[in-house]
C-alpha atoms as a PDB file:
ATOM      1  CA  MET A   1     -14.026  26.994   1.454  1.00  0.00           C
ATOM      2  CA  SER A   2     -16.389  29.930   1.215  1.00  0.00           C
ATOM      3  CA  GLU A   3     -19.308  28.783  -0.989  1.00  0.00           C
ATOM      4  CA  HIS A   4     -22.300  27.041   0.557  1.00  0.00           C
ATOM      5  CA  TRP A   5     -23.145  23.491  -0.461  1.00  0.00           C
ATOM      6  CA  THR A   6     -26.825  22.587  -0.595  1.00  0.00           C
ATOM      7  CA  GLN A   7     -28.471  20.090   1.718  1.00  0.00           C
ATOM      8  CA  THR A   8     -28.900  17.797  -1.274  1.00  0.00           C
ATOM      9  CA  PHE A   9     -25.148  17.745  -1.685  1.00  0.00           C
ATOM     10  CA  HIS A  10     -24.627  16.790   1.945  1.00  0.00           C
ATOM     11  CA  TRP A  11     -26.556  13.556   1.554  1.00  0.00           C
ATOM     12  CA  SER A  12     -25.128  12.842  -1.895  1.00  0.00           C
ATOM     13  CA  TRP A  13     -21.690  13.366  -0.411  1.00  0.00           C
ATOM     14  CA  LEU A  14     -22.401  10.785   2.268  1.00  0.00           C
ATOM     15  CA  ALA A  15     -23.329   8.274  -0.424  1.00  0.00           C
ATOM     16  CA  GLY A  16     -20.011   9.054  -2.064  1.00  0.00           C
ATOM     17  CA  ILE A  17     -18.185   8.096   1.113  1.00  0.00           C
ATOM     18  CA  VAL A  18     -19.289   4.503   0.676  1.00  0.00           C
ATOM     19  CA  ILE A  19     -18.013   4.513  -2.912  1.00  0.00           C
ATOM     20  CA  ALA A  20     -14.728   6.087  -1.856  1.00  0.00           C
ATOM     21  CA  ALA A  21     -14.183   3.496   0.860  1.00  0.00           C
ATOM     22  CA  ALA A  22     -14.975   0.693  -1.568  1.00  0.00           C
ATOM     23  CA  GLY A  23     -12.493   2.120  -4.045  1.00  0.00           C
ATOM     24  CA  LEU A  24      -9.634   2.018  -1.595  1.00  0.00           C
ATOM     25  CA  SER A  25      -8.338  -1.197  -3.061  1.00  0.00           C
ATOM     26  CA  ALA A  26      -5.934   0.878  -5.133  1.00  0.00           C
ATOM     27  CA  CYS A  27      -2.382  -0.093  -6.069  1.00  0.00           C
ATOM     28  CA  ASP A  28      -3.323  -3.568  -7.349  1.00  0.00           C
ATOM     29  CA  GLN A  29      -5.332  -4.419  -4.228  1.00  0.00           C
ATOM     30  CA  THR A  30      -2.273  -3.906  -2.034  1.00  0.00           C
ATOM     31  CA  PRO A  31      -2.757  -1.893   1.187  1.00  0.00           C
ATOM     32  CA  PRO A  32      -0.706   1.308   1.500  1.00  0.00           C
ATOM     33  CA  ALA A  33       2.835   0.790   2.753  1.00  0.00           C
ATOM     34  CA  ALA A  34       2.041   2.601   5.982  1.00  0.00           C
ATOM     35  CA  ALA A  35      -0.826   0.233   6.721  1.00  0.00           C
ATOM     36  CA  GLN A  36       1.308  -2.790   5.970  1.00  0.00           C
ATOM     37  CA  ALA A  37       3.922  -1.543   8.373  1.00  0.00           C
ATOM     38  CA  GLY A  38       1.450  -1.060  11.186  1.00  0.00           C
ATOM     39  CA  SER A  39       1.763  -4.472  12.841  1.00  0.00           C
ATOM     40  CA  SER A  40       5.545  -4.609  12.606  1.00  0.00           C
ATOM     41  CA  LEU A  41       5.768  -1.176  14.180  1.00  0.00           C
ATOM     42  CA  ALA A  42       3.643  -2.089  17.154  1.00  0.00           C
ATOM     43  CA  SER A  43       6.653  -2.651  19.391  1.00  0.00           C
ATOM     44  CA  ASP A  44       8.216   0.679  18.386  1.00  0.00           C
ATOM     45  CA  GLY A  45       5.954   2.776  20.598  1.00  0.00           C
ATOM     46  CA  PRO A  46       6.166   6.293  22.027  1.00  0.00           C
ATOM     47  CA  THR A  47       9.056   5.538  24.372  1.00  0.00           C
ATOM     48  CA  SER A  48      11.506   4.377  21.696  1.00  0.00           C
ATOM     49  CA  VAL A  49      10.419   7.103  19.269  1.00  0.00           C
ATOM     50  CA  GLN A  50      10.882   9.771  21.892  1.00  0.00           C
ATOM     51  CA  ARG A  51      14.355   8.477  22.752  1.00  0.00           C
ATOM     52  CA  ARG A  52      15.419   9.083  19.165  1.00  0.00           C
ATOM     53  CA  PHE A  53      14.256  12.685  19.457  1.00  0.00           C
ATOM     54  CA  GLU A  54      15.738  13.645  22.812  1.00  0.00           C
ATOM     55  CA  THR A  55      17.512  16.718  21.431  1.00  0.00           C
ATOM     56  CA  TYR A  56      15.182  17.636  18.566  1.00  0.00           C
ATOM     57  CA  THR A  57      11.465  18.232  18.235  1.00  0.00           C
ATOM     58  CA  PRO A  58      10.189  16.766  14.947  1.00  0.00           C
ATOM     59  CA  ARG A  59       7.552  18.779  13.106  1.00  0.00           C
ATOM     60  CA  LEU A  60       4.390  17.652  11.410  1.00  0.00           C
ATOM     61  CA  VAL A  61       2.913  20.211   9.003  1.00  0.00           C
ATOM     62  CA  VAL A  62      -0.757  20.093   7.989  1.00  0.00           C
ATOM     63  CA  LEU A  63      -1.219  21.822   4.624  1.00  0.00           C
ATOM     64  CA  GLY A  64      -4.862  22.600   3.957  1.00  0.00           C
ATOM     65  CA  ASP A  65      -7.707  25.075   3.538  1.00  0.00           C
ATOM     66  CA  SER A  66     -10.344  26.420   5.938  1.00  0.00           C
ATOM     67  CA  LEU A  67     -11.206  22.923   7.145  1.00  0.00           C
ATOM     68  CA  THR A  68      -7.644  22.678   8.419  1.00  0.00           C
ATOM     69  CA  ALA A  69      -7.409  26.304   9.528  1.00  0.00           C
ATOM     70  CA  GLY A  70     -10.517  25.727  11.657  1.00  0.00           C
ATOM     71  CA  LEU A  71     -12.770  28.450  10.278  1.00  0.00           C
ATOM     72  CA  GLY A  72     -15.338  29.429  12.911  1.00  0.00           C
ATOM     73  CA  LEU A  73     -13.445  27.641  15.698  1.00  0.00           C
ATOM     74  CA  GLU A  74     -10.881  28.546  18.298  1.00  0.00           C
ATOM     75  CA  ALA A  75      -7.340  27.588  17.289  1.00  0.00           C
ATOM     76  CA  THR A  76      -7.358  24.886  19.957  1.00  0.00           C
ATOM     77  CA  GLU A  77     -10.499  23.340  18.448  1.00  0.00           C
ATOM     78  CA  ALA A  78      -9.269  22.838  14.862  1.00  0.00           C
ATOM     79  CA  TYR A  79      -8.466  19.243  13.987  1.00  0.00           C
ATOM     80  CA  PRO A  80      -4.657  19.786  13.803  1.00  0.00           C
ATOM     81  CA  ALA A  81      -4.770  20.968  17.427  1.00  0.00           C
ATOM     82  CA  ARG A  82      -6.797  17.876  18.291  1.00  0.00           C
ATOM     83  CA  LEU A  83      -4.165  15.746  16.569  1.00  0.00           C
ATOM     84  CA  GLN A  84      -1.570  17.436  18.763  1.00  0.00           C
ATOM     85  CA  GLU A  85      -3.576  16.307  21.775  1.00  0.00           C
ATOM     86  CA  HIS A  86      -3.480  12.721  20.493  1.00  0.00           C
ATOM     87  CA  LEU A  87       0.290  12.940  19.999  1.00  0.00           C
ATOM     88  CA  ASP A  88       0.843  14.374  23.468  1.00  0.00           C
ATOM     89  CA  ALA A  89      -1.428  11.829  25.119  1.00  0.00           C
ATOM     90  CA  ALA A  90       0.415   8.984  23.360  1.00  0.00           C
ATOM     91  CA  GLY A  91       3.778  10.343  24.496  1.00  0.00           C
ATOM     92  CA  TYR A  92       5.131  11.347  21.091  1.00  0.00           C
ATOM     93  CA  HIS A  93       7.504  14.308  21.114  1.00  0.00           C
ATOM     94  CA  VAL A  94       6.207  15.875  17.879  1.00  0.00           C
ATOM     95  CA  GLN A  95       5.072  19.439  17.156  1.00  0.00           C
ATOM     96  CA  ILE A  96       2.191  20.099  14.767  1.00  0.00           C
ATOM     97  CA  MET A  97       2.130  23.222  12.612  1.00  0.00           C
ATOM     98  CA  ASN A  98      -1.268  24.208  11.243  1.00  0.00           C
ATOM     99  CA  ALA A  99      -0.623  25.505   7.702  1.00  0.00           C
ATOM    100  CA  GLY A 100      -4.278  25.804   6.768  1.00  0.00           C
ATOM    101  CA  VAL A 101      -5.400  28.906   4.842  1.00  0.00           C
ATOM    102  CA  SER A 102      -9.091  29.614   4.312  1.00  0.00           C
ATOM    103  CA  GLY A 103     -10.154  29.656   0.677  1.00  0.00           C
ATOM    104  CA  ASP A 104      -6.956  28.016  -0.520  1.00  0.00           C
ATOM    105  CA  THR A 105      -6.866  25.819  -3.606  1.00  0.00           C
ATOM    106  CA  THR A 106      -4.183  23.314  -4.535  1.00  0.00           C
ATOM    107  CA  THR A 107      -2.627  26.012  -6.703  1.00  0.00           C
ATOM    108  CA  GLY A 108      -2.366  28.421  -3.786  1.00  0.00           C
ATOM    109  CA  ALA A 109      -1.003  25.724  -1.493  1.00  0.00           C
ATOM    110  CA  LEU A 110       1.699  24.813  -3.997  1.00  0.00           C
ATOM    111  CA  ARG A 111       2.775  28.453  -4.179  1.00  0.00           C
ATOM    112  CA  ARG A 112       3.181  28.689  -0.414  1.00  0.00           C
ATOM    113  CA  LEU A 113       4.666  25.244   0.101  1.00  0.00           C
ATOM    114  CA  ASP A 114       8.191  26.533   0.769  1.00  0.00           C
ATOM    115  CA  TRP A 115       6.802  28.848   3.440  1.00  0.00           C
ATOM    116  CA  ALA A 116       4.836  26.009   5.033  1.00  0.00           C
ATOM    117  CA  LEU A 117       7.920  23.812   5.184  1.00  0.00           C
ATOM    118  CA  ASP A 118      10.205  26.594   6.381  1.00  0.00           C
ATOM    119  CA  GLY A 119      11.821  25.466   9.598  1.00  0.00           C
ATOM    120  CA  GLY A 120      11.796  21.833   8.568  1.00  0.00           C
ATOM    121  CA  ALA A 121       9.298  19.007   8.724  1.00  0.00           C
ATOM    122  CA  GLU A 122       9.388  15.238   9.062  1.00  0.00           C
ATOM    123  CA  ILE A 123       5.759  14.656   8.037  1.00  0.00           C
ATOM    124  CA  LEU A 124       3.479  16.609   5.695  1.00  0.00           C
ATOM    125  CA  VAL A 125      -0.260  16.008   5.849  1.00  0.00           C
ATOM    126  CA  VAL A 126      -1.808  17.217   2.578  1.00  0.00           C
ATOM    127  CA  ALA A 127      -5.515  17.965   3.068  1.00  0.00           C
ATOM    128  CA  LEU A 128      -6.541  19.955   0.011  1.00  0.00           C
ATOM    129  CA  GLY A 129      -8.970  19.908  -2.902  1.00  0.00           C
ATOM    130  CA  GLY A 130     -12.194  21.163  -1.314  1.00  0.00           C
ATOM    131  CA  ASN A 131     -12.046  24.551  -2.978  1.00  0.00           C
ATOM    132  CA  ASP A 132     -10.914  23.062  -6.288  1.00  0.00           C
ATOM    133  CA  GLY A 133     -14.044  20.932  -6.225  1.00  0.00           C
ATOM    134  CA  LEU A 134     -16.372  23.737  -5.170  1.00  0.00           C
ATOM    135  CA  ARG A 135     -15.142  25.872  -8.050  1.00  0.00           C
ATOM    136  CA  GLY A 136     -15.185  23.075 -10.567  1.00  0.00           C
ATOM    137  CA  LEU A 137     -11.512  23.604 -11.378  1.00  0.00           C
ATOM    138  CA  PRO A 138      -9.834  21.232 -13.860  1.00  0.00           C
ATOM    139  CA  ILE A 139      -9.097  17.885 -12.270  1.00  0.00           C
ATOM    140  CA  GLY A 140      -5.842  17.563 -14.181  1.00  0.00           C
ATOM    141  CA  GLN A 141      -4.680  20.849 -12.694  1.00  0.00           C
ATOM    142  CA  MET A 142      -5.511  19.679  -9.172  1.00  0.00           C
ATOM    143  CA  LYS A 143      -3.717  16.387  -9.714  1.00  0.00           C
ATOM    144  CA  ASN A 144      -0.626  18.138 -11.061  1.00  0.00           C
ATOM    145  CA  ASN A 145      -0.543  20.540  -8.114  1.00  0.00           C
ATOM    146  CA  LEU A 146      -0.902  17.764  -5.553  1.00  0.00           C
ATOM    147  CA  SER A 147       1.697  15.691  -7.351  1.00  0.00           C
ATOM    148  CA  GLN A 148       4.197  18.553  -7.231  1.00  0.00           C
ATOM    149  CA  ILE A 149       3.519  19.099  -3.529  1.00  0.00           C
ATOM    150  CA  ILE A 150       4.178  15.432  -2.834  1.00  0.00           C
ATOM    151  CA  MET A 151       7.339  15.359  -4.957  1.00  0.00           C
ATOM    152  CA  VAL A 152       8.790  18.443  -3.263  1.00  0.00           C
ATOM    153  CA  ALA A 153       8.126  16.951   0.163  1.00  0.00           C
ATOM    154  CA  LYS A 154       9.616  13.570  -0.733  1.00  0.00           C
ATOM    155  CA  SER A 155      12.682  15.220  -2.282  1.00  0.00           C
ATOM    156  CA  ARG A 156      13.329  16.735   1.150  1.00  0.00           C
ATOM    157  CA  GLY A 157      12.963  13.409   2.910  1.00  0.00           C
ATOM    158  CA  ILE A 158       9.528  14.303   4.303  1.00  0.00           C
ATOM    159  CA  LYS A 159       6.948  11.564   4.779  1.00  0.00           C
ATOM    160  CA  VAL A 160       3.576  12.405   3.229  1.00  0.00           C
ATOM    161  CA  LEU A 161       0.018  11.606   4.252  1.00  0.00           C
ATOM    162  CA  LEU A 162      -2.432  12.433   1.452  1.00  0.00           C
ATOM    163  CA  VAL A 163      -5.977  13.047   2.692  1.00  0.00           C
ATOM    164  CA  GLY A 164      -8.779  12.809   0.144  1.00  0.00           C
ATOM    165  CA  MET A 165     -11.739  15.087  -0.476  1.00  0.00           C
ATOM    166  CA  GLU A 166     -15.055  14.798  -2.303  1.00  0.00           C
ATOM    167  CA  ALA A 167     -16.410  17.133  -5.009  1.00  0.00           C
ATOM    168  CA  PRO A 168     -20.023  18.388  -4.989  1.00  0.00           C
ATOM    169  CA  PRO A 169     -22.371  16.349  -7.223  1.00  0.00           C
ATOM    170  CA  ASN A 170     -23.666  19.323  -9.203  1.00  0.00           C
ATOM    171  CA  PHE A 171     -20.754  18.985 -11.641  1.00  0.00           C
ATOM    172  CA  GLY A 172     -21.915  15.508 -12.609  1.00  0.00           C
ATOM    173  CA  GLU A 173     -20.884  11.940 -11.888  1.00  0.00           C
ATOM    174  CA  VAL A 174     -17.986  11.955 -14.342  1.00  0.00           C
ATOM    175  CA  TYR A 175     -16.358  14.914 -12.592  1.00  0.00           C
ATOM    176  CA  THR A 176     -16.982  13.694  -9.046  1.00  0.00           C
ATOM    177  CA  THR A 177     -15.686  10.197  -9.789  1.00  0.00           C
ATOM    178  CA  ALA A 178     -12.568  11.496 -11.536  1.00  0.00           C
ATOM    179  CA  PHE A 179     -12.051  13.950  -8.664  1.00  0.00           C
ATOM    180  CA  ARG A 180     -12.198  11.169  -6.084  1.00  0.00           C
ATOM    181  CA  ASP A 181      -9.887   8.938  -8.104  1.00  0.00           C
ATOM    182  CA  VAL A 182      -7.125  11.571  -8.134  1.00  0.00           C
ATOM    183  CA  PHE A 183      -6.279  10.934  -4.484  1.00  0.00           C
ATOM    184  CA  ARG A 184      -6.183   7.159  -4.889  1.00  0.00           C
ATOM    185  CA  GLN A 185      -4.050   7.455  -8.027  1.00  0.00           C
ATOM    186  CA  LEU A 186      -1.569   9.834  -6.440  1.00  0.00           C
ATOM    187  CA  ALA A 187      -1.182   7.689  -3.343  1.00  0.00           C
ATOM    188  CA  CYS A 188      -0.282   4.759  -5.597  1.00  0.00           C
ATOM    189  CA  GLU A 189       1.902   6.677  -8.041  1.00  0.00           C
ATOM    190  CA  HIS A 190       3.966   8.282  -5.291  1.00  0.00           C
ATOM    191  CA  ASP A 191       3.736   5.417  -2.780  1.00  0.00           C
ATOM    192  CA  VAL A 192       2.512   7.588   0.070  1.00  0.00           C
ATOM    193  CA  ALA A 193       0.129   6.909   2.938  1.00  0.00           C
ATOM    194  CA  SER A 194      -3.438   8.057   2.420  1.00  0.00           C
ATOM    195  CA  VAL A 195      -6.817   8.582   4.055  1.00  0.00           C
ATOM    196  CA  PRO A 196      -9.724   8.414   1.556  1.00  0.00           C
ATOM    197  CA  PHE A 197     -11.906  11.247   2.856  1.00  0.00           C
ATOM    198  CA  LEU A 198     -11.084  13.920   5.435  1.00  0.00           C
ATOM    199  CA  LEU A 199     -14.688  14.411   6.562  1.00  0.00           C
ATOM    200  CA  GLU A 200     -15.779  10.795   6.750  1.00  0.00           C
ATOM    201  CA  GLY A 201     -18.407  10.440   9.460  1.00  0.00           C
ATOM    202  CA  VAL A 202     -18.739  14.224   9.728  1.00  0.00           C
ATOM    203  CA  ALA A 203     -19.964  15.469   6.335  1.00  0.00           C
ATOM    204  CA  GLY A 204     -23.743  15.735   6.232  1.00  0.00           C
ATOM    205  CA  VAL A 205     -24.156  15.185   9.980  1.00  0.00           C
ATOM    206  CA  GLN A 206     -25.996  18.320  11.061  1.00  0.00           C
ATOM    207  CA  ASN A 207     -24.885  18.478  14.688  1.00  0.00           C
ATOM    208  CA  LEU A 208     -21.227  18.037  13.693  1.00  0.00           C
ATOM    209  CA  ASN A 209     -21.230  20.987  11.301  1.00  0.00           C
ATOM    210  CA  GLN A 210     -21.607  24.722  11.640  1.00  0.00           C
ATOM    211  CA  PRO A 211     -24.684  26.449  10.143  1.00  0.00           C
ATOM    212  CA  ASP A 212     -22.982  26.752   6.740  1.00  0.00           C
ATOM    213  CA  GLY A 213     -23.095  22.966   6.467  1.00  0.00           C
ATOM    214  CA  ILE A 214     -19.451  22.869   5.351  1.00  0.00           C
ATOM    215  CA  HIS A 215     -17.172  23.499   8.308  1.00  0.00           C
ATOM    216  CA  PRO A 216     -17.146  21.144  11.304  1.00  0.00           C
ATOM    217  CA  THR A 217     -18.062  22.242  14.796  1.00  0.00           C
ATOM    218  CA  ALA A 218     -15.574  21.688  17.598  1.00  0.00           C
ATOM    219  CA  GLU A 219     -17.028  18.203  18.078  1.00  0.00           C
ATOM    220  CA  GLY A 220     -16.872  17.571  14.350  1.00  0.00           C
ATOM    221  CA  ALA A 221     -13.217  18.646  14.224  1.00  0.00           C
ATOM    222  CA  ALA A 222     -12.459  16.257  17.071  1.00  0.00           C
ATOM    223  CA  ARG A 223     -14.066  13.469  15.024  1.00  0.00           C
ATOM    224  CA  VAL A 224     -11.911  14.414  12.029  1.00  0.00           C
ATOM    225  CA  ALA A 225      -8.803  14.164  14.198  1.00  0.00           C
ATOM    226  CA  GLU A 226      -9.867  10.734  15.472  1.00  0.00           C
ATOM    227  CA  HIS A 227     -10.371   9.593  11.886  1.00  0.00           C
ATOM    228  CA  VAL A 228      -6.961  10.811  10.683  1.00  0.00           C
ATOM    229  CA  TRP A 229      -5.028   9.885  13.840  1.00  0.00           C
ATOM    230  CA  PRO A 230      -4.244   6.194  13.074  1.00  0.00           C
ATOM    231  CA  ALA A 231      -2.537   7.117   9.781  1.00  0.00           C
ATOM    232  CA  VAL A 232      -0.642   9.948  11.463  1.00  0.00           C
ATOM    233  CA  GLU A 233       0.547   7.694  14.259  1.00  0.00           C
ATOM    234  CA  ARG A 234       1.868   5.100  11.815  1.00  0.00           C
ATOM    235  CA  LEU A 235       4.007   7.754  10.113  1.00  0.00           C
ATOM    236  CA  VAL A 236       5.239   9.107  13.442  1.00  0.00           C
ATOM    237  CA  GLN A 237       6.332   5.606  14.382  1.00  0.00           C
ATOM    238  CA  GLN A 238       8.344   5.380  11.174  1.00  0.00           C
ATOM    239  CA  MET A 239      10.210   8.640  11.655  1.00  0.00           C
ATOM    240  CA  THR A 240      13.958   8.751  11.939  1.00  0.00           C
ATOM    241  CA  ILE A 241      16.127  11.802  12.329  1.00  0.00           C
ATOM    242  CA  GLY A 242      18.902  12.200   9.776  1.00  0.00           C
ATOM    243  CA  ASP A 243      22.391  13.491  10.457  1.00  0.00           C
ATOM    244  CA  GLY A 244      22.512  17.142  11.396  1.00  0.00           C
ATOM    245  CA  GLN A 245      18.873  17.408  12.533  1.00  0.00           C
END
């Protein structure tokens, strides 16, 4: 994400967060499968999960752009690294691979998907769309790219967490609403876990963002990780290792 959003966008974006959260009643008002499974998985904590993985280290790949790559931060400060800290602290034997590339669009991420998944993965966190929105790229193209990414992952037995993004308001309400709806629609169509907005609670908060107003500071990245962590943990709790892994 290289272009600069205006201050007006920051506050408009925050207003959009409320709309996005309200619109999370997707899939006929039924909570995502991962959320439904949360209570029943409560007894299957770190100890039992780790026992299943005594001879293998499962991998969680985060596919994203500069927000994921941690532009302007040390590698240990990017939110995937912070998620690794959450996993370690909770006792989960899972390795996170940061597959974030600055400036990447959904088209670019689809092209490098095989590379990102090389070496195997049990979970794929898809955190894309920011650059598509900044450039005003066709929403149908973004949806198709994300859909293909999800289908490839699922065909390989990989659990998917789709993380939503917001488009800048300068393209108009029709575009921004349709952009936001893509993530909800895909989560329902493909029956995958989702988080409505990657930067919820961080976007537009001056002290949580670098001077460009786009990329989180180290503290902001830590907040992002805290926001995404519950959904990640639910998927980790659901993991099983197939024969030969």
